[in-house]
Amino acid sequence: MTADHSTDWSDRGSHVEGDTPVVYSPADDRADETDPSVAVIQVLAEARGVGVEEIEQPLYDVVDPDAVDRLFTDRSQADVGSRVVFEFNAHEVTVHADGDILVRQIGSD
């Protein structure tokens, strides 16, 4: 189950929303050639405070990485309000059409 959160995330970094750790990563902070699926792993690793190699669960266990890349690689063609939300590794991950990624802890790893 996911919830729509209305927090204004205007700057990159880790935040706390209530008691919940959250990491916001704007697309503008990443190289244009970084696929959204790769960025998801990078932001999740940041949220967990580990290296990307320590994320053992494959992303494809919960979402099709190729589909995420196809939907959100060309930010200029993306539907402004589009986003995909899924649970991954005890976190809620939101990938926005503009490439921004929000990772919110929802459980313990």
PDB file of N, CA and C in Angstrom:
ATOM      1  N   MET A   1       0.846  -1.171   0.000  1.00  0.00           N
ATOM      2  CA  MET A   1       0.000   0.000   0.000  1.00  0.00           C
ATOM      3  C   MET A   1       0.890   1.232   0.000  1.00  0.00           C
ATOM      4  N   THR A   2       0.553   2.194  -0.816  1.00  0.00           N
ATOM      5  CA  THR A   2       1.329   3.417  -0.878  1.00  0.00           C
ATOM      6  C   THR A   2       0.431   4.596  -0.572  1.00  0.00           C
ATOM      7  N   ALA A   3       1.054   5.672  -0.169  1.00  0.00           N
ATOM      8  CA  ALA A   3       0.298   6.874   0.159  1.00  0.00           C
ATOM      9  C   ALA A   3       0.826   8.029  -0.665  1.00  0.00           C
ATOM     10  N   ASP A   4      -0.023   8.999  -0.936  1.00  0.00           N
ATOM     11  CA  ASP A   4       0.402  10.187  -1.640  1.00  0.00           C
ATOM     12  C   ASP A   4       0.867  11.196  -0.595  1.00  0.00           C
ATOM     13  N   HIS A   5       2.122  11.599  -0.703  1.00  0.00           N
ATOM     14  CA  HIS A   5       2.698  12.517   0.267  1.00  0.00           C
ATOM     15  C   HIS A   5       2.873  13.877  -0.386  1.00  0.00           C
ATOM     16  N   SER A   6       2.552  14.937   0.324  1.00  0.00           N
ATOM     17  CA  SER A   6       2.558  16.267  -0.273  1.00  0.00           C
ATOM     18  C   SER A   6       3.751  17.117   0.147  1.00  0.00           C
ATOM     19  N   THR A   7       4.759  16.528   0.729  1.00  0.00           N
ATOM     20  CA  THR A   7       5.935  17.280   1.145  1.00  0.00           C
ATOM     21  C   THR A   7       6.607  17.904  -0.064  1.00  0.00           C
ATOM     22  N   ASP A   8       7.057  19.149   0.049  1.00  0.00           N
ATOM     23  CA  ASP A   8       7.779  19.817  -1.031  1.00  0.00           C
ATOM     24  C   ASP A   8       9.256  19.463  -0.904  1.00  0.00           C
ATOM     25  N   TRP A   9       9.744  18.652  -1.841  1.00  0.00           N
ATOM     26  CA  TRP A   9      11.145  18.228  -1.820  1.00  0.00           C
ATOM     27  C   TRP A   9      11.918  19.075  -2.815  1.00  0.00           C
ATOM     28  N   SER A  10      12.316  20.263  -2.413  1.00  0.00           N
ATOM     29  CA  SER A  10      12.983  21.158  -3.340  1.00  0.00           C
ATOM     30  C   SER A  10      14.502  21.038  -3.302  1.00  0.00           C
ATOM     31  N   ASP A  11      15.042  20.282  -2.355  1.00  0.00           N
ATOM     32  CA  ASP A  11      16.493  20.119  -2.328  1.00  0.00           C
ATOM     33  C   ASP A  11      16.847  18.648  -2.093  1.00  0.00           C
ATOM     34  N   ARG A  12      17.965  18.259  -2.694  1.00  0.00           N
ATOM     35  CA  ARG A  12      18.419  16.882  -2.629  1.00  0.00           C
ATOM     36  C   ARG A  12      18.862  16.537  -1.224  1.00  0.00           C
ATOM     37  N   GLY A  13      18.726  15.261  -0.905  1.00  0.00           N
ATOM     38  CA  GLY A  13      19.318  14.775   0.313  1.00  0.00           C
ATOM     39  C   GLY A  13      18.381  13.965   1.166  1.00  0.00           C
ATOM     40  N   SER A  14      18.887  13.627   2.321  1.00  0.00           N
ATOM     41  CA  SER A  14      18.130  12.833   3.276  1.00  0.00           C
ATOM     42  C   SER A  14      17.316  13.759   4.170  1.00  0.00           C
ATOM     43  N   HIS A  15      16.114  13.335   4.440  1.00  0.00           N
ATOM     44  CA  HIS A  15      15.202  14.091   5.288  1.00  0.00           C
ATOM     45  C   HIS A  15      14.522  13.108   6.222  1.00  0.00           C
ATOM     46  N   VAL A  16      13.823  13.643   7.198  1.00  0.00           N
ATOM     47  CA  VAL A  16      12.988  12.811   8.052  1.00  0.00           C
ATOM     48  C   VAL A  16      11.586  13.383   7.976  1.00  0.00           C
ATOM     49  N   GLU A  17      10.642  12.516   7.651  1.00  0.00           N
ATOM     50  CA  GLU A  17       9.235  12.899   7.558  1.00  0.00           C
ATOM     51  C   GLU A  17       8.534  12.157   8.692  1.00  0.00           C
ATOM     52  N   GLY A  18       8.219  12.874   9.773  1.00  0.00           N
ATOM     53  CA  GLY A  18       7.737  12.193  10.973  1.00  0.00           C
ATOM     54  C   GLY A  18       8.907  11.412  11.540  1.00  0.00           C
ATOM     55  N   ASP A  19       8.765  10.102  11.656  1.00  0.00           N
ATOM     56  CA  ASP A  19       9.868   9.242  12.090  1.00  0.00           C
ATOM     57  C   ASP A  19      10.477   8.481  10.921  1.00  0.00           C
ATOM     58  N   THR A  20      10.071   8.811   9.696  1.00  0.00           N
ATOM     59  CA  THR A  20      10.448   8.036   8.531  1.00  0.00           C
ATOM     60  C   THR A  20      11.600   8.683   7.770  1.00  0.00           C
ATOM     61  N   PRO A  21      12.728   7.965   7.618  1.00  0.00           N
ATOM     62  CA  PRO A  21      13.829   8.483   6.802  1.00  0.00           C
ATOM     63  C   PRO A  21      13.434   8.475   5.322  1.00  0.00           C
ATOM     64  N   VAL A  22      13.779   9.569   4.633  1.00  0.00           N
ATOM     65  CA  VAL A  22      13.431   9.748   3.230  1.00  0.00           C
ATOM     66  C   VAL A  22      14.650  10.301   2.492  1.00  0.00           C
ATOM     67  N   VAL A  23      14.904   9.803   1.288  1.00  0.00           N
ATOM     68  CA  VAL A  23      15.956  10.363   0.442  1.00  0.00           C
ATOM     69  C   VAL A  23      15.313  10.832  -0.852  1.00  0.00           C
ATOM     70  N   TYR A  24      15.601  12.079  -1.211  1.00  0.00           N
ATOM     71  CA  TYR A  24      15.104  12.666  -2.451  1.00  0.00           C
ATOM     72  C   TYR A  24      16.293  12.896  -3.367  1.00  0.00           C
ATOM     73  N   SER A  25      16.178  12.440  -4.603  1.00  0.00           N
ATOM     74  CA  SER A  25      17.253  12.594  -5.573  1.00  0.00           C
ATOM     75  C   SER A  25      16.699  13.184  -6.863  1.00  0.00           C
ATOM     76  N   PRO A  26      16.916  14.479  -7.093  1.00  0.00           N
ATOM     77  CA  PRO A  26      16.436  15.079  -8.336  1.00  0.00           C
ATOM     78  C   PRO A  26      17.246  14.579  -9.533  1.00  0.00           C
ATOM     79  N   ALA A  27      16.570  14.435 -10.647  1.00  0.00           N
ATOM     80  CA  ALA A  27      17.221  13.956 -11.869  1.00  0.00           C
ATOM     81  C   ALA A  27      18.370  14.870 -12.286  1.00  0.00           C
ATOM     82  N   ASP A  28      18.241  16.149 -12.025  1.00  0.00           N
ATOM     83  CA  ASP A  28      19.281  17.097 -12.432  1.00  0.00           C
ATOM     84  C   ASP A  28      20.613  16.848 -11.735  1.00  0.00           C
ATOM     85  N   ASP A  29      20.608  16.088 -10.645  1.00  0.00           N
ATOM     86  CA  ASP A  29      21.845  15.775  -9.934  1.00  0.00           C
ATOM     87  C   ASP A  29      22.573  14.565 -10.514  1.00  0.00           C
ATOM     88  N   ARG A  30      21.953  13.902 -11.498  1.00  0.00           N
ATOM     89  CA  ARG A  30      22.559  12.710 -12.091  1.00  0.00           C
ATOM     90  C   ARG A  30      22.944  12.992 -13.536  1.00  0.00           C
ATOM     91  N   ALA A  31      23.912  12.220 -14.029  1.00  0.00           N
ATOM     92  CA  ALA A  31      24.291  12.316 -15.439  1.00  0.00           C
ATOM     93  C   ALA A  31      23.109  11.885 -16.300  1.00  0.00           C
ATOM     94  N   ASP A  32      22.919  12.551 -17.431  1.00  0.00           N
ATOM     95  CA  ASP A  32      21.792  12.252 -18.320  1.00  0.00           C
ATOM     96  C   ASP A  32      21.767  10.800 -18.770  1.00  0.00           C
ATOM     97  N   GLU A  33      22.927  10.184 -18.885  1.00  0.00           N
ATOM     98  CA  GLU A  33      22.973   8.807 -19.382  1.00  0.00           C
ATOM     99  C   GLU A  33      22.676   7.763 -18.297  1.00  0.00           C
ATOM    100  N   THR A  34      22.453   8.184 -17.059  1.00  0.00           N
ATOM    101  CA  THR A  34      22.109   7.242 -15.997  1.00  0.00           C
ATOM    102  C   THR A  34      20.674   6.783 -16.164  1.00  0.00           C
ATOM    103  N   ASP A  35      20.491   5.485 -16.392  1.00  0.00           N
ATOM    104  CA  ASP A  35      19.145   4.933 -16.526  1.00  0.00           C
ATOM    105  C   ASP A  35      18.389   5.084 -15.210  1.00  0.00           C
ATOM    106  N   PRO A  36      17.096   5.354 -15.275  1.00  0.00           N
ATOM    107  CA  PRO A  36      16.302   5.465 -14.047  1.00  0.00           C
ATOM    108  C   PRO A  36      16.394   4.218 -13.166  1.00  0.00           C
ATOM    109  N   SER A  37      16.450   3.031 -13.763  1.00  0.00           N
ATOM    110  CA  SER A  37      16.539   1.805 -12.960  1.00  0.00           C
ATOM    111  C   SER A  37      17.852   1.743 -12.180  1.00  0.00           C
ATOM    112  N   VAL A  38      18.923   2.228 -12.769  1.00  0.00           N
ATOM    113  CA  VAL A  38      20.221   2.282 -12.073  1.00  0.00           C
ATOM    114  C   VAL A  38      20.160   3.323 -10.957  1.00  0.00           C
ATOM    115  N   ALA A  39      19.542   4.454 -11.251  1.00  0.00           N
ATOM    116  CA  ALA A  39      19.413   5.513 -10.247  1.00  0.00           C
ATOM    117  C   ALA A  39      18.609   5.041  -9.041  1.00  0.00           C
ATOM    118  N   VAL A  40      17.580   4.212  -9.278  1.00  0.00           N
ATOM    119  CA  VAL A  40      16.788   3.668  -8.163  1.00  0.00           C
ATOM    120  C   VAL A  40      17.697   2.916  -7.198  1.00  0.00           C
ATOM    121  N   ILE A  41      18.560   2.068  -7.720  1.00  0.00           N
ATOM    122  CA  ILE A  41      19.478   1.299  -6.865  1.00  0.00           C
ATOM    123  C   ILE A  41      20.428   2.241  -6.126  1.00  0.00           C
ATOM    124  N   GLN A  42      20.940   3.252  -6.815  1.00  0.00           N
ATOM    125  CA  GLN A  42      21.855   4.206  -6.182  1.00  0.00           C
ATOM    126  C   GLN A  42      21.184   4.961  -5.040  1.00  0.00           C
ATOM    127  N   VAL A  43      19.955   5.407  -5.259  1.00  0.00           N
ATOM    128  CA  VAL A  43      19.236   6.174  -4.228  1.00  0.00           C
ATOM    129  C   VAL A  43      18.833   5.260  -3.075  1.00  0.00           C
ATOM    130  N   LEU A  44      18.425   4.030  -3.386  1.00  0.00           N
ATOM    131  CA  LEU A  44      18.100   3.073  -2.323  1.00  0.00           C
ATOM    132  C   LEU A  44      19.330   2.790  -1.463  1.00  0.00           C
ATOM    133  N   ALA A  45      20.477   2.615  -2.100  1.00  0.00           N
ATOM    134  CA  ALA A  45      21.714   2.382  -1.346  1.00  0.00           C
ATOM    135  C   ALA A  45      22.021   3.574  -0.441  1.00  0.00           C
ATOM    136  N   GLU A  46      21.829   4.775  -0.970  1.00  0.00           N
ATOM    137  CA  GLU A  46      22.027   5.974  -0.144  1.00  0.00           C
ATOM    138  C   GLU A  46      21.072   5.976   1.048  1.00  0.00           C
ATOM    139  N   ALA A  47      19.817   5.625   0.795  1.00  0.00           N
ATOM    140  CA  ALA A  47      18.821   5.608   1.872  1.00  0.00           C
ATOM    141  C   ALA A  47      19.179   4.597   2.947  1.00  0.00           C
ATOM    142  N   ARG A  48      19.755   3.474   2.532  1.00  0.00           N
ATOM    143  CA  ARG A  48      20.125   2.434   3.492  1.00  0.00           C
ATOM    144  C   ARG A  48      21.515   2.652   4.087  1.00  0.00           C
ATOM    145  N   GLY A  49      22.273   3.589   3.535  1.00  0.00           N
ATOM    146  CA  GLY A  49      23.614   3.865   4.039  1.00  0.00           C
ATOM    147  C   GLY A  49      24.606   2.767   3.694  1.00  0.00           C
ATOM    148  N   VAL A  50      24.416   2.170   2.508  1.00  0.00           N
ATOM    149  CA  VAL A  50      25.299   1.085   2.064  1.00  0.00           C
ATOM    150  C   VAL A  50      25.743   1.355   0.629  1.00  0.00           C
ATOM    151  N   GLY A  51      26.685   0.564   0.158  1.00  0.00           N
ATOM    152  CA  GLY A  51      27.108   0.649  -1.230  1.00  0.00           C
ATOM    153  C   GLY A  51      26.117  -0.078  -2.129  1.00  0.00           C
ATOM    154  N   VAL A  52      26.085   0.273  -3.403  1.00  0.00           N
ATOM    155  CA  VAL A  52      25.129  -0.352  -4.321  1.00  0.00           C
ATOM    156  C   VAL A  52      25.330  -1.862  -4.425  1.00  0.00           C
ATOM    157  N   GLU A  53      26.542  -2.318  -4.250  1.00  0.00           N
ATOM    158  CA  GLU A  53      26.816  -3.759  -4.322  1.00  0.00           C
ATOM    159  C   GLU A  53      26.204  -4.527  -3.152  1.00  0.00           C
ATOM    160  N   GLU A  54      25.794  -3.817  -2.114  1.00  0.00           N
ATOM    161  CA  GLU A  54      25.186  -4.468  -0.955  1.00  0.00           C
ATOM    162  C   GLU A  54      23.666  -4.622  -1.079  1.00  0.00           C
ATOM    163  N   ILE A  55      23.083  -4.092  -2.149  1.00  0.00           N
ATOM    164  CA  ILE A  55      21.654  -4.295  -2.413  1.00  0.00           C
ATOM    165  C   ILE A  55      21.538  -5.650  -3.094  1.00  0.00           C
ATOM    166  N   GLU A  56      21.137  -6.652  -2.331  1.00  0.00           N
ATOM    167  CA  GLU A  56      21.148  -8.028  -2.830  1.00  0.00           C
ATOM    168  C   GLU A  56      19.902  -8.399  -3.611  1.00  0.00           C
ATOM    169  N   GLN A  57      18.743  -7.850  -3.259  1.00  0.00           N
ATOM    170  CA  GLN A  57      17.513  -8.193  -3.964  1.00  0.00           C
ATOM    171  C   GLN A  57      17.527  -7.546  -5.344  1.00  0.00           C
ATOM    172  N   PRO A  58      17.331  -8.330  -6.396  1.00  0.00           N
ATOM    173  CA  PRO A  58      17.289  -7.735  -7.742  1.00  0.00           C
ATOM    174  C   PRO A  58      16.052  -6.853  -7.908  1.00  0.00           C
ATOM    175  N   LEU A  59      16.234  -5.724  -8.572  1.00  0.00           N
ATOM    176  CA  LEU A  59      15.121  -4.817  -8.824  1.00  0.00           C
ATOM    177  C   LEU A  59      14.011  -5.520  -9.594  1.00  0.00           C
ATOM    178  N   TYR A  60      14.378  -6.412 -10.498  1.00  0.00           N
ATOM    179  CA  TYR A  60      13.364  -7.096 -11.312  1.00  0.00           C
ATOM    180  C   TYR A  60      12.470  -8.028 -10.505  1.00  0.00           C
ATOM    181  N   ASP A  61      12.777  -8.254  -9.229  1.00  0.00           N
ATOM    182  CA  ASP A  61      11.875  -9.012  -8.359  1.00  0.00           C
ATOM    183  C   ASP A  61      10.566  -8.253  -8.098  1.00  0.00           C
ATOM    184  N   VAL A  62      10.616  -6.922  -8.217  1.00  0.00           N
ATOM    185  CA  VAL A  62       9.440  -6.117  -7.871  1.00  0.00           C
ATOM    186  C   VAL A  62       8.915  -5.241  -9.002  1.00  0.00           C
ATOM    187  N   VAL A  63       9.763  -4.926  -9.975  1.00  0.00           N
ATOM    188  CA  VAL A  63       9.350  -4.076 -11.090  1.00  0.00           C
ATOM    189  C   VAL A  63      10.257  -4.389 -12.287  1.00  0.00           C
ATOM    190  N   ASP A  64       9.740  -4.206 -13.471  1.00  0.00           N
ATOM    191  CA  ASP A  64      10.524  -4.434 -14.681  1.00  0.00           C
ATOM    192  C   ASP A  64      11.448  -3.232 -14.912  1.00  0.00           C
ATOM    193  N   PRO A  65      12.761  -3.391 -14.697  1.00  0.00           N
ATOM    194  CA  PRO A  65      13.685  -2.256 -14.857  1.00  0.00           C
ATOM    195  C   PRO A  65      13.655  -1.671 -16.272  1.00  0.00           C
ATOM    196  N   ASP A  66      13.499  -2.523 -17.283  1.00  0.00           N
ATOM    197  CA  ASP A  66      13.439  -2.025 -18.657  1.00  0.00           C
ATOM    198  C   ASP A  66      12.213  -1.143 -18.870  1.00  0.00           C
ATOM    199  N   ALA A  67      11.091  -1.520 -18.269  1.00  0.00           N
ATOM    200  CA  ALA A  67       9.873  -0.720 -18.385  1.00  0.00           C
ATOM    201  C   ALA A  67      10.061   0.640 -17.712  1.00  0.00           C
ATOM    202  N   VAL A  68      10.677   0.658 -16.542  1.00  0.00           N
ATOM    203  CA  VAL A  68      10.948   1.925 -15.851  1.00  0.00           C
ATOM    204  C   VAL A  68      11.837   2.797 -16.729  1.00  0.00           C
ATOM    205  N   ASP A  69      12.859   2.205 -17.319  1.00  0.00           N
ATOM    206  CA  ASP A  69      13.760   2.974 -18.187  1.00  0.00           C
ATOM    207  C   ASP A  69      13.023   3.512 -19.412  1.00  0.00           C
ATOM    208  N   ARG A  70      12.193   2.691 -20.027  1.00  0.00           N
ATOM    209  CA  ARG A  70      11.444   3.141 -21.206  1.00  0.00           C
ATOM    210  C   ARG A  70      10.470   4.262 -20.854  1.00  0.00           C
ATOM    211  N   LEU A  71       9.838   4.157 -19.699  1.00  0.00           N
ATOM    212  CA  LEU A  71       8.872   5.171 -19.294  1.00  0.00           C
ATOM    213  C   LEU A  71       9.513   6.521 -18.986  1.00  0.00           C
ATOM    214  N   PHE A  72      10.693   6.494 -18.367  1.00  0.00           N
ATOM    215  CA  PHE A  72      11.227   7.730 -17.789  1.00  0.00           C
ATOM    216  C   PHE A  72      12.601   8.161 -18.285  1.00  0.00           C
ATOM    217  N   THR A  73      13.145   7.539 -19.317  1.00  0.00           N
ATOM    218  CA  THR A  73      14.459   7.946 -19.802  1.00  0.00           C
ATOM    219  C   THR A  73      14.416   9.287 -20.520  1.00  0.00           C
ATOM    220  N   ASP A  74      13.432   9.481 -21.388  1.00  0.00           N
ATOM    221  CA  ASP A  74      13.314  10.746 -22.116  1.00  0.00           C
ATOM    222  C   ASP A  74      12.423  11.695 -21.325  1.00  0.00           C
ATOM    223  N   ARG A  75      13.048  12.478 -20.451  1.00  0.00           N
ATOM    224  CA  ARG A  75      12.298  13.355 -19.559  1.00  0.00           C
ATOM    225  C   ARG A  75      11.499  14.418 -20.305  1.00  0.00           C
ATOM    226  N   SER A  76      11.969  14.824 -21.480  1.00  0.00           N
ATOM    227  CA  SER A  76      11.264  15.864 -22.232  1.00  0.00           C
ATOM    228  C   SER A  76       9.931  15.358 -22.785  1.00  0.00           C
ATOM    229  N   GLN A  77       9.798  14.037 -22.966  1.00  0.00           N
ATOM    230  CA  GLN A  77       8.577  13.449 -23.495  1.00  0.00           C
ATOM    231  C   GLN A  77       7.663  12.897 -22.403  1.00  0.00           C
ATOM    232  N   ALA A  78       8.104  12.946 -21.174  1.00  0.00           N
ATOM    233  CA  ALA A  78       7.342  12.343 -20.076  1.00  0.00           C
ATOM    234  C   ALA A  78       6.105  13.164 -19.742  1.00  0.00           C
ATOM    235  N   ASP A  79       5.062  12.469 -19.366  1.00  0.00           N
ATOM    236  CA  ASP A  79       3.829  13.086 -18.893  1.00  0.00           C
ATOM    237  C   ASP A  79       4.120  13.686 -17.521  1.00  0.00           C
ATOM    238  N   VAL A  80       3.882  14.965 -17.342  1.00  0.00           N
ATOM    239  CA  VAL A  80       4.287  15.686 -16.128  1.00  0.00           C
ATOM    240  C   VAL A  80       3.850  14.998 -14.841  1.00  0.00           C
ATOM    241  N   GLY A  81       2.637  14.506 -14.775  1.00  0.00           N
ATOM    242  CA  GLY A  81       2.143  13.903 -13.540  1.00  0.00           C
ATOM    243  C   GLY A  81       2.429  12.420 -13.410  1.00  0.00           C
ATOM    244  N   SER A  82       3.090  11.837 -14.396  1.00  0.00           N
ATOM    245  CA  SER A  82       3.329  10.393 -14.357  1.00  0.00           C
ATOM    246  C   SER A  82       4.355  10.028 -13.293  1.00  0.00           C
ATOM    247  N   ARG A  83       4.119   8.868 -12.710  1.00  0.00           N
ATOM    248  CA  ARG A  83       5.083   8.328 -11.752  1.00  0.00           C
ATOM    249  C   ARG A  83       4.785   6.854 -11.570  1.00  0.00           C
ATOM    250  N   VAL A  84       5.763   6.143 -11.110  1.00  0.00           N
ATOM    251  CA  VAL A  84       5.575   4.748 -10.746  1.00  0.00           C
ATOM    252  C   VAL A  84       6.014   4.613  -9.294  1.00  0.00           C
ATOM    253  N   VAL A  85       5.210   3.904  -8.523  1.00  0.00           N
ATOM    254  CA  VAL A  85       5.484   3.715  -7.096  1.00  0.00           C
ATOM    255  C   VAL A  85       5.479   2.226  -6.822  1.00  0.00           C
ATOM    256  N   PHE A  86       6.506   1.751  -6.119  1.00  0.00           N
ATOM    257  CA  PHE A  86       6.586   0.336  -5.770  1.00  0.00           C
ATOM    258  C   PHE A  86       7.356   0.173  -4.473  1.00  0.00           C
ATOM    259  N   GLU A  87       7.149  -0.975  -3.841  1.00  0.00           N
ATOM    260  CA  GLU A  87       7.885  -1.303  -2.618  1.00  0.00           C
ATOM    261  C   GLU A  87       9.072  -2.166  -2.986  1.00  0.00           C
ATOM    262  N   PHE A  88      10.220  -1.823  -2.399  1.00  0.00           N
ATOM    263  CA  PHE A  88      11.458  -2.529  -2.707  1.00  0.00           C
ATOM    264  C   PHE A  88      12.392  -2.454  -1.504  1.00  0.00           C
ATOM    265  N   ASN A  89      12.766  -3.607  -0.999  1.00  0.00           N
ATOM    266  CA  ASN A  89      13.766  -3.673   0.057  1.00  0.00           C
ATOM    267  C   ASN A  89      13.368  -2.843   1.276  1.00  0.00           C
ATOM    268  N   ALA A  90      12.117  -2.991   1.723  1.00  0.00           N
ATOM    269  CA  ALA A  90      11.569  -2.292   2.889  1.00  0.00           C
ATOM    270  C   ALA A  90      11.481  -0.780   2.702  1.00  0.00           C
ATOM    271  N   HIS A  91      11.363  -0.347   1.441  1.00  0.00           N
ATOM    272  CA  HIS A  91      11.237   1.072   1.118  1.00  0.00           C
ATOM    273  C   HIS A  91      10.155   1.267   0.062  1.00  0.00           C
ATOM    274  N   GLU A  92       9.517   2.413   0.122  1.00  0.00           N
ATOM    275  CA  GLU A  92       8.614   2.825  -0.949  1.00  0.00           C
ATOM    276  C   GLU A  92       9.433   3.696  -1.900  1.00  0.00           C
ATOM    277  N   VAL A  93       9.458   3.314  -3.165  1.00  0.00           N
ATOM    278  CA  VAL A  93      10.235   4.022  -4.174  1.00  0.00           C
ATOM    279  C   VAL A  93       9.262   4.697  -5.136  1.00  0.00           C
ATOM    280  N   THR A  94       9.461   5.992  -5.358  1.00  0.00           N
ATOM    281  CA  THR A  94       8.654   6.736  -6.318  1.00  0.00           C
ATOM    282  C   THR A  94       9.589   7.312  -7.368  1.00  0.00           C
ATOM    283  N   VAL A  95       9.346   6.928  -8.638  1.00  0.00           N
ATOM    284  CA  VAL A  95      10.098   7.481  -9.763  1.00  0.00           C
ATOM    285  C   VAL A  95       9.133   8.401 -10.504  1.00  0.00           C
ATOM    286  N   HIS A  96       9.472   9.673 -10.559  1.00  0.00           N
ATOM    287  CA  HIS A  96       8.618  10.667 -11.206  1.00  0.00           C
ATOM    288  C   HIS A  96       8.999  10.817 -12.681  1.00  0.00           C
ATOM    289  N   ALA A  97       8.051  11.302 -13.472  1.00  0.00           N
ATOM    290  CA  ALA A  97       8.259  11.467 -14.908  1.00  0.00           C
ATOM    291  C   ALA A  97       9.472  12.328 -15.235  1.00  0.00           C
ATOM    292  N   ASP A  98       9.766  13.292 -14.377  1.00  0.00           N
ATOM    293  CA  ASP A  98      10.914  14.170 -14.629  1.00  0.00           C
ATOM    294  C   ASP A  98      12.239  13.530 -14.206  1.00  0.00           C
ATOM    295  N   GLY A  99      12.179  12.271 -13.716  1.00  0.00           N
ATOM    296  CA  GLY A  99      13.391  11.560 -13.325  1.00  0.00           C
ATOM    297  C   GLY A  99      13.727  11.663 -11.853  1.00  0.00           C
ATOM    298  N   ASP A 100      13.018  12.507 -11.121  1.00  0.00           N
ATOM    299  CA  ASP A 100      13.266  12.609  -9.680  1.00  0.00           C
ATOM    300  C   ASP A 100      12.866  11.297  -9.015  1.00  0.00           C
ATOM    301  N   ILE A 101      13.614  10.935  -7.976  1.00  0.00           N
ATOM    302  CA  ILE A 101      13.352   9.691  -7.249  1.00  0.00           C
ATOM    303  C   ILE A 101      13.241  10.005  -5.770  1.00  0.00           C
ATOM    304  N   LEU A 102      12.216   9.424  -5.152  1.00  0.00           N
ATOM    305  CA  LEU A 102      11.991   9.582  -3.712  1.00  0.00           C
ATOM    306  C   LEU A 102      11.962   8.193  -3.111  1.00  0.00           C
ATOM    307  N   VAL A 103      12.780   7.967  -2.093  1.00  0.00           N
ATOM    308  CA  VAL A 103      12.836   6.665  -1.417  1.00  0.00           C
ATOM    309  C   VAL A 103      12.510   6.886   0.043  1.00  0.00           C
ATOM    310  N   ARG A 104      11.461   6.213   0.507  1.00  0.00           N
ATOM    311  CA  ARG A 104      10.934   6.388   1.866  1.00  0.00           C
ATOM    312  C   ARG A 104      10.956   5.026   2.561  1.00  0.00           C
ATOM    313  N   GLN A 105      11.580   4.943   3.724  1.00  0.00           N
ATOM    314  CA  GLN A 105      11.606   3.690   4.471  1.00  0.00           C
ATOM    315  C   GLN A 105      10.199   3.369   4.966  1.00  0.00           C
ATOM    316  N   ILE A 106       9.765   2.108   4.776  1.00  0.00           N
ATOM    317  CA  ILE A 106       8.439   1.708   5.241  1.00  0.00           C
ATOM    318  C   ILE A 106       8.492   0.484   6.153  1.00  0.00           C
ATOM    319  N   GLY A 107       9.655  -0.060   6.341  1.00  0.00           N
ATOM    320  CA  GLY A 107       9.813  -1.231   7.206  1.00  0.00           C
ATOM    321  C   GLY A 107      11.269  -1.406   7.554  1.00  0.00           C
ATOM    322  N   SER A 108      11.563  -2.494   8.232  1.00  0.00           N
ATOM    323  CA  SER A 108      12.964  -2.768   8.543  1.00  0.00           C
ATOM    324  C   SER A 108      13.495  -3.740   7.517  1.00  0.00           C
ATOM    325  N   ASP A 109      14.774  -3.593   7.182  1.00  0.00           N
ATOM    326  CA  ASP A 109      15.387  -4.422   6.139  1.00  0.00           C
ATOM    327  C   ASP A 109      15.532  -5.841   6.594  1.00  0.00           C
TER     328      ASP A 109
END
